[in-house]
Amino acid sequence: MPGNFPLLESIRTVIIMPVVGFMFAIALVAFVWGMMEFVKGGANEKKVEEAKNKMLYGLGGMALMASAVGMVNLICATLQC
């Protein structure tokens, strides 16, 4: 039975969302860092490949954090917290 869950809402707003936001920021920094290394890498194939991997990991991290926010919001909407 859906109901009011103030504890879940508090956990979501005080713990989960700030942590997810911080991790999203880290992933964004990794992506931007990879872009800068990609531009600086120039003709060096090894550096360009490492930069591509950093950008890919950054994008993956951002996608993961966005889906985590979606799941948390879905759970809270379902439970009406």
Protein backbone atom coordinates (compact mmCIF):
# COMPACT_ATOMS: atom_id res chain seq x y z
CA MET A 1 0.00 0.00 0.00
CA PRO A 2 1.54 3.32 -1.02
CA GLY A 3 1.93 5.78 1.77
CA ASN A 4 3.92 8.57 3.24
CA PHE A 5 7.58 7.68 3.87
CA PRO A 6 9.32 10.73 5.35
CA LEU A 7 12.43 8.72 6.23
CA LEU A 8 12.91 7.63 2.61
CA GLU A 9 12.42 11.20 1.43
CA SER A 10 15.00 12.42 3.94
CA ILE A 11 17.50 9.75 2.91
CA ARG A 12 16.93 10.65 -0.72
CA THR A 13 17.40 14.39 -0.30
CA VAL A 14 20.15 14.36 2.33
CA ILE A 15 22.29 11.37 1.30
CA ILE A 16 21.52 9.87 -2.10
CA MET A 17 21.08 12.97 -4.28
CA PRO A 18 24.21 14.81 -3.04
CA VAL A 19 26.34 11.67 -3.46
CA VAL A 20 24.98 11.05 -6.95
CA GLY A 21 25.53 14.71 -7.84
CA PHE A 22 29.12 14.55 -6.63
CA MET A 23 29.79 11.37 -8.58
CA PHE A 24 28.21 12.94 -11.68
CA ALA A 25 30.57 15.90 -11.28
CA ILE A 26 33.55 13.52 -11.07
CA ALA A 27 32.42 11.78 -14.25
CA LEU A 28 32.01 15.14 -15.98
CA VAL A 29 35.53 16.16 -14.95
CA ALA A 30 36.87 12.84 -16.30
CA PHE A 31 35.10 13.46 -19.60
CA VAL A 32 36.40 17.03 -19.93
CA TRP A 33 39.89 15.90 -18.91
CA GLY A 34 39.77 13.24 -21.62
CA MET A 35 38.68 15.84 -24.18
CA MET A 36 41.61 18.07 -23.27
CA GLU A 37 44.03 15.14 -23.50
CA PHE A 38 42.50 14.14 -26.84
CA VAL A 39 43.18 17.60 -28.23
CA LYS A 40 46.67 17.72 -26.71
CA GLY A 41 47.49 14.18 -27.86
CA GLY A 42 47.69 15.17 -31.49
CA ALA A 43 49.51 12.51 -33.50
CA ASN A 44 50.47 10.34 -30.52
CA GLU A 45 48.21 7.31 -30.97
CA LYS A 46 48.70 6.00 -27.43
CA LYS A 47 47.71 9.29 -25.78
CA VAL A 48 44.73 9.69 -28.09
CA GLU A 49 43.52 6.17 -27.23
CA GLU A 50 43.91 6.83 -23.48
CA ALA A 51 41.99 10.08 -23.89
CA LYS A 52 39.19 8.29 -25.74
CA ASN A 53 38.96 5.78 -22.89
CA LYS A 54 38.72 8.58 -20.31
CA MET A 55 35.95 10.24 -22.31
CA LEU A 56 34.14 6.92 -22.62
CA TYR A 57 34.43 6.23 -18.88
CA GLY A 58 33.21 9.76 -18.14
CA LEU A 59 30.18 9.33 -20.40
CA GLY A 60 29.46 5.94 -18.87
CA GLY A 61 29.66 7.41 -15.38
CA MET A 62 27.32 10.25 -16.27
CA ALA A 63 24.84 7.82 -17.83
CA LEU A 64 25.02 5.61 -14.75
CA MET A 65 24.40 8.54 -12.40
CA ALA A 66 21.50 9.80 -14.53
CA SER A 67 19.91 6.36 -14.44
CA ALA A 68 20.46 6.19 -10.66
CA VAL A 69 18.57 9.47 -10.24
CA GLY A 70 15.79 8.11 -12.44
CA MET A 71 15.51 4.91 -10.42
CA VAL A 72 15.46 6.78 -7.10
CA ASN A 73 12.77 9.13 -8.42
CA LEU A 74 10.77 6.19 -9.77
CA ILE A 75 10.91 4.40 -6.42
CA CYS A 76 9.89 7.55 -4.55
CA ALA A 77 7.06 8.22 -7.00
CA THR A 78 5.84 4.65 -6.64
CA LEU A 79 5.95 4.76 -2.84
CA GLN A 80 4.74 8.37 -2.75
CA CYS A 81 7.52 9.45 -0.45
